[in-house]
Amino acid sequence: MFAQEAYLSLALAVVLLVLVRQQARLDAAAGRGSVFSTDLLLVLGTLFCTVAGYFAIQPMMAAARAGQGNVSFGLLHAVSTAFYGVKTLLVMVLAWRGTAR
């Protein structure tokens, strides 16, 4: 289940990244902002949280569960939960900003 959520998040983040970059370019060309927009930072933040949470923390959790590694399973689970919470918050802010227009 986590693998499906991770790959779906990656795919949606790439789609959003393309859309946000296109909108930022249009805004910058019209003199209303920068190519490096707040929405771009929000999407990149969600992308980072997904990659760090699934592709870095999850393998470490599996090793800790098997008794390997020097970091406890509980700590890794807390870090994974924090990444998920931050990702959720970033997506909520991005959705709020999108509906405010």
N, C-alpha and C. Protein backbone atom coordinates (compact mmCIF):
# COMPACT_ATOMS: atom_id res chain seq x y z
N MET A 1 0.82 -1.18 0.00
CA MET A 1 0.00 0.00 0.00
C MET A 1 0.87 1.26 0.00
N PHE A 2 1.95 1.27 0.81
CA PHE A 2 2.81 2.44 0.86
C PHE A 2 3.51 2.67 -0.47
N ALA A 3 3.85 1.59 -1.16
CA ALA A 3 4.52 1.73 -2.45
C ALA A 3 3.59 2.40 -3.46
N GLN A 4 2.32 2.03 -3.45
CA GLN A 4 1.37 2.65 -4.37
C GLN A 4 1.21 4.13 -4.06
N GLU A 5 1.13 4.47 -2.78
CA GLU A 5 0.99 5.87 -2.38
C GLU A 5 2.23 6.67 -2.77
N ALA A 6 3.40 6.07 -2.60
CA ALA A 6 4.65 6.76 -2.91
C ALA A 6 4.76 7.03 -4.41
N TYR A 7 4.51 6.02 -5.23
CA TYR A 7 4.63 6.21 -6.67
C TYR A 7 3.53 7.12 -7.21
N LEU A 8 2.34 7.05 -6.64
CA LEU A 8 1.27 7.97 -7.04
C LEU A 8 1.64 9.40 -6.66
N SER A 9 2.20 9.58 -5.47
CA SER A 9 2.65 10.91 -5.05
C SER A 9 3.73 11.45 -5.96
N LEU A 10 4.66 10.59 -6.36
CA LEU A 10 5.71 11.04 -7.28
C LEU A 10 5.13 11.46 -8.62
N ALA A 11 4.22 10.66 -9.15
CA ALA A 11 3.62 10.98 -10.45
C ALA A 11 2.83 12.29 -10.38
N LEU A 12 2.03 12.45 -9.33
CA LEU A 12 1.25 13.68 -9.19
C LEU A 12 2.15 14.89 -8.95
N ALA A 13 3.23 14.69 -8.21
CA ALA A 13 4.16 15.80 -7.97
C ALA A 13 4.82 16.25 -9.27
N VAL A 14 5.16 15.31 -10.13
CA VAL A 14 5.76 15.68 -11.41
C VAL A 14 4.76 16.45 -12.27
N VAL A 15 3.52 15.99 -12.30
CA VAL A 15 2.48 16.70 -13.06
C VAL A 15 2.29 18.10 -12.49
N LEU A 16 2.18 18.21 -11.16
CA LEU A 16 2.02 19.53 -10.54
C LEU A 16 3.24 20.41 -10.78
N LEU A 17 4.41 19.81 -10.76
CA LEU A 17 5.64 20.57 -10.99
C LEU A 17 5.63 21.19 -12.39
N VAL A 18 5.21 20.43 -13.37
CA VAL A 18 5.13 20.95 -14.74
C VAL A 18 4.10 22.08 -14.82
N LEU A 19 2.94 21.88 -14.22
CA LEU A 19 1.90 22.91 -14.26
C LEU A 19 2.32 24.18 -13.52
N VAL A 20 2.91 24.02 -12.36
CA VAL A 20 3.33 25.18 -11.56
C VAL A 20 4.45 25.93 -12.26
N ARG A 21 5.40 25.21 -12.86
CA ARG A 21 6.49 25.88 -13.59
C ARG A 21 5.94 26.67 -14.78
N GLN A 22 4.96 26.10 -15.47
CA GLN A 22 4.37 26.79 -16.61
C GLN A 22 3.67 28.07 -16.14
N GLN A 23 2.91 27.97 -15.05
CA GLN A 23 2.22 29.15 -14.53
C GLN A 23 3.22 30.19 -14.03
N ALA A 24 4.29 29.75 -13.40
CA ALA A 24 5.31 30.68 -12.90
C ALA A 24 6.00 31.39 -14.06
N ARG A 25 6.26 30.69 -15.13
CA ARG A 25 6.86 31.33 -16.31
C ARG A 25 5.94 32.39 -16.89
N LEU A 26 4.65 32.06 -16.97
CA LEU A 26 3.69 33.04 -17.48
C LEU A 26 3.61 34.26 -16.58
N ASP A 27 3.58 34.03 -15.26
CA ASP A 27 3.53 35.15 -14.32
C ASP A 27 4.79 36.00 -14.40
N ALA A 28 5.95 35.35 -14.53
CA ALA A 28 7.21 36.09 -14.62
C ALA A 28 7.27 36.91 -15.91
N ALA A 29 6.77 36.34 -17.00
CA ALA A 29 6.77 37.06 -18.27
C ALA A 29 5.85 38.28 -18.21
N ALA A 30 4.78 38.17 -17.42
CA ALA A 30 3.85 39.29 -17.29
C ALA A 30 4.28 40.27 -16.21
N GLY A 31 5.39 39.99 -15.53
CA GLY A 31 5.89 40.89 -14.51
C GLY A 31 5.18 40.76 -13.17
N ARG A 32 4.51 39.64 -12.93
CA ARG A 32 3.75 39.46 -11.69
C ARG A 32 4.46 38.56 -10.68
N GLY A 33 5.66 38.17 -10.93
CA GLY A 33 6.34 37.30 -9.98
C GLY A 33 7.62 36.73 -10.55
N SER A 34 8.09 35.71 -9.87
CA SER A 34 9.34 35.08 -10.23
C SER A 34 9.08 33.68 -10.78
N VAL A 35 10.06 33.15 -11.50
CA VAL A 35 9.96 31.78 -11.99
C VAL A 35 10.02 30.81 -10.82
N PHE A 36 10.68 31.23 -9.74
CA PHE A 36 10.81 30.42 -8.54
C PHE A 36 9.72 30.83 -7.55
N SER A 37 8.51 30.30 -7.74
CA SER A 37 7.34 30.75 -6.99
C SER A 37 7.16 29.97 -5.69
N THR A 38 6.27 30.46 -4.86
CA THR A 38 5.91 29.78 -3.62
C THR A 38 5.28 28.43 -3.91
N ASP A 39 4.43 28.37 -4.91
CA ASP A 39 3.81 27.10 -5.28
C ASP A 39 4.84 26.07 -5.70
N LEU A 40 5.88 26.52 -6.38
CA LEU A 40 6.96 25.63 -6.77
C LEU A 40 7.66 25.06 -5.54
N LEU A 41 7.91 25.90 -4.56
CA LEU A 41 8.52 25.44 -3.31
C LEU A 41 7.63 24.42 -2.60
N LEU A 42 6.33 24.66 -2.61
CA LEU A 42 5.40 23.72 -1.96
C LEU A 42 5.43 22.35 -2.65
N VAL A 43 5.42 22.36 -3.97
CA VAL A 43 5.46 21.09 -4.72
C VAL A 43 6.80 20.38 -4.50
N LEU A 44 7.89 21.13 -4.54
CA LEU A 44 9.21 20.52 -4.30
C LEU A 44 9.30 19.97 -2.87
N GLY A 45 8.67 20.65 -1.92
CA GLY A 45 8.64 20.14 -0.55
C GLY A 45 7.89 18.83 -0.43
N THR A 46 6.76 18.72 -1.11
CA THR A 46 6.02 17.46 -1.07
C THR A 46 6.80 16.35 -1.75
N LEU A 47 7.48 16.69 -2.82
CA LEU A 47 8.30 15.71 -3.53
C LEU A 47 9.44 15.23 -2.63
N PHE A 48 10.09 16.15 -1.94
CA PHE A 48 11.16 15.78 -1.01
C PHE A 48 10.65 14.88 0.11
N CYS A 49 9.51 15.24 0.69
CA CYS A 49 8.95 14.43 1.78
C CYS A 49 8.62 13.02 1.31
N THR A 50 8.11 12.87 0.11
CA THR A 50 7.80 11.54 -0.42
C THR A 50 9.06 10.73 -0.63
N VAL A 51 10.05 11.33 -1.27
CA VAL A 51 11.29 10.60 -1.55
C VAL A 51 12.01 10.24 -0.25
N ALA A 52 12.11 11.19 0.66
CA ALA A 52 12.80 10.91 1.92
C ALA A 52 12.03 9.89 2.76
N GLY A 53 10.72 10.03 2.81
CA GLY A 53 9.93 9.13 3.64
C GLY A 53 9.87 7.71 3.14
N TYR A 54 9.69 7.56 1.85
CA TYR A 54 9.51 6.19 1.32
C TYR A 54 10.83 5.55 0.91
N PHE A 55 11.65 6.29 0.20
CA PHE A 55 12.85 5.68 -0.37
C PHE A 55 14.06 5.72 0.57
N ALA A 56 14.02 6.53 1.63
CA ALA A 56 15.13 6.56 2.58
C ALA A 56 14.73 5.96 3.93
N ILE A 57 13.62 6.42 4.49
CA ILE A 57 13.24 5.99 5.84
C ILE A 57 12.65 4.58 5.84
N GLN A 58 11.80 4.25 4.89
CA GLN A 58 11.16 2.92 4.89
C GLN A 58 12.17 1.77 4.85
N PRO A 59 13.22 1.81 4.00
CA PRO A 59 14.21 0.73 4.04
C PRO A 59 14.95 0.65 5.38
N MET A 60 15.19 1.82 5.98
CA MET A 60 15.83 1.82 7.29
C MET A 60 14.92 1.23 8.35
N MET A 61 13.62 1.46 8.22
CA MET A 61 12.66 0.88 9.16
C MET A 61 12.63 -0.64 9.04
N ALA A 62 12.69 -1.13 7.82
CA ALA A 62 12.70 -2.58 7.62
C ALA A 62 13.95 -3.19 8.24
N ALA A 63 15.08 -2.53 8.10
CA ALA A 63 16.32 -3.03 8.70
C ALA A 63 16.25 -2.97 10.23
N ALA A 64 15.69 -1.89 10.76
CA ALA A 64 15.57 -1.77 12.22
C ALA A 64 14.63 -2.82 12.78
N ARG A 65 13.57 -3.12 12.04
CA ARG A 65 12.62 -4.16 12.48
C ARG A 65 13.30 -5.52 12.52
N ALA A 66 14.27 -5.72 11.64
CA ALA A 66 15.01 -6.99 11.59
C ALA A 66 16.18 -7.01 12.57
N GLY A 67 16.35 -5.93 13.33
CA GLY A 67 17.42 -5.88 14.32
C GLY A 67 18.74 -5.37 13.78
N GLN A 68 18.73 -4.83 12.59
CA GLN A 68 19.95 -4.30 11.99
C GLN A 68 19.93 -2.78 12.08
N GLY A 69 21.07 -2.18 11.91
CA GLY A 69 21.15 -0.73 11.93
C GLY A 69 21.32 -0.22 13.35
N ASN A 70 21.65 1.07 13.46
CA ASN A 70 21.88 1.64 14.78
C ASN A 70 20.83 2.67 15.18
N VAL A 71 19.76 2.76 14.43
CA VAL A 71 18.66 3.67 14.76
C VAL A 71 17.44 2.82 15.09
N SER A 72 16.72 3.20 16.14
CA SER A 72 15.59 2.39 16.58
C SER A 72 14.40 2.52 15.63
N PHE A 73 13.59 1.47 15.63
CA PHE A 73 12.39 1.46 14.79
C PHE A 73 11.44 2.58 15.19
N GLY A 74 11.30 2.81 16.49
CA GLY A 74 10.39 3.85 16.97
C GLY A 74 10.77 5.23 16.49
N LEU A 75 12.06 5.52 16.53
CA LEU A 75 12.53 6.82 16.07
C LEU A 75 12.30 6.97 14.57
N LEU A 76 12.62 5.93 13.82
CA LEU A 76 12.40 5.98 12.37
C LEU A 76 10.91 6.12 12.04
N HIS A 77 10.06 5.46 12.81
CA HIS A 77 8.62 5.58 12.59
C HIS A 77 8.16 7.01 12.87
N ALA A 78 8.70 7.62 13.91
CA ALA A 78 8.35 9.01 14.22
C ALA A 78 8.80 9.94 13.10
N VAL A 79 9.99 9.72 12.56
CA VAL A 79 10.49 10.56 11.46
C VAL A 79 9.62 10.36 10.22
N SER A 80 9.24 9.12 9.94
CA SER A 80 8.38 8.84 8.79
C SER A 80 7.02 9.52 8.96
N THR A 81 6.48 9.46 10.15
CA THR A 81 5.20 10.11 10.42
C THR A 81 5.32 11.62 10.28
N ALA A 82 6.44 12.18 10.71
CA ALA A 82 6.65 13.62 10.57
C ALA A 82 6.73 14.03 9.10
N PHE A 83 7.44 13.24 8.29
CA PHE A 83 7.49 13.54 6.86
C PHE A 83 6.09 13.50 6.24
N TYR A 84 5.30 12.50 6.63
CA TYR A 84 3.94 12.39 6.10
C TYR A 84 3.09 13.58 6.54
N GLY A 85 3.24 13.99 7.79
CA GLY A 85 2.49 15.15 8.27
C GLY A 85 2.87 16.43 7.56
N VAL A 86 4.16 16.63 7.35
CA VAL A 86 4.62 17.83 6.63
C VAL A 86 4.12 17.80 5.19
N LYS A 87 4.17 16.62 4.57
CA LYS A 87 3.68 16.51 3.19
C LYS A 87 2.20 16.83 3.11
N THR A 88 1.43 16.33 4.06
CA THR A 88 0.00 16.62 4.10
C THR A 88 -0.25 18.11 4.26
N LEU A 89 0.50 18.75 5.16
CA LEU A 89 0.35 20.18 5.37
C LEU A 89 0.71 20.97 4.11
N LEU A 90 1.79 20.59 3.44
CA LEU A 90 2.18 21.28 2.21
C LEU A 90 1.12 21.14 1.12
N VAL A 91 0.54 19.96 0.99
CA VAL A 91 -0.51 19.76 -0.01
C VAL A 91 -1.74 20.58 0.34
N MET A 92 -2.07 20.65 1.63
CA MET A 92 -3.23 21.46 2.04
C MET A 92 -3.00 22.93 1.74
N VAL A 93 -1.80 23.44 1.99
CA VAL A 93 -1.49 24.85 1.69
C VAL A 93 -1.54 25.09 0.18
N LEU A 94 -1.01 24.14 -0.59
CA LEU A 94 -1.04 24.27 -2.04
C LEU A 94 -2.48 24.28 -2.55
N ALA A 95 -3.32 23.43 -2.03
CA ALA A 95 -4.74 23.40 -2.43
C ALA A 95 -5.43 24.69 -2.03
N TRP A 96 -5.13 25.20 -0.83
CA TRP A 96 -5.74 26.44 -0.38
C TRP A 96 -5.33 27.60 -1.27
N ARG A 97 -4.04 27.65 -1.63
CA ARG A 97 -3.56 28.70 -2.51
C ARG A 97 -4.19 28.58 -3.90
N GLY A 98 -4.41 27.37 -4.36
CA GLY A 98 -5.01 27.15 -5.67
C GLY A 98 -6.46 27.58 -5.73
N THR A 99 -7.18 27.39 -4.63
CA THR A 99 -8.61 27.78 -4.62
C THR A 99 -8.80 29.25 -4.31
N ALA A 100 -7.78 29.90 -3.76
CA ALA A 100 -7.90 31.32 -3.43
C ALA A 100 -7.85 32.21 -4.67
N ARG A 101 -7.39 31.66 -5.78
CA ARG A 101 -7.28 32.48 -7.00
C ARG A 101 -8.58 32.63 -7.65
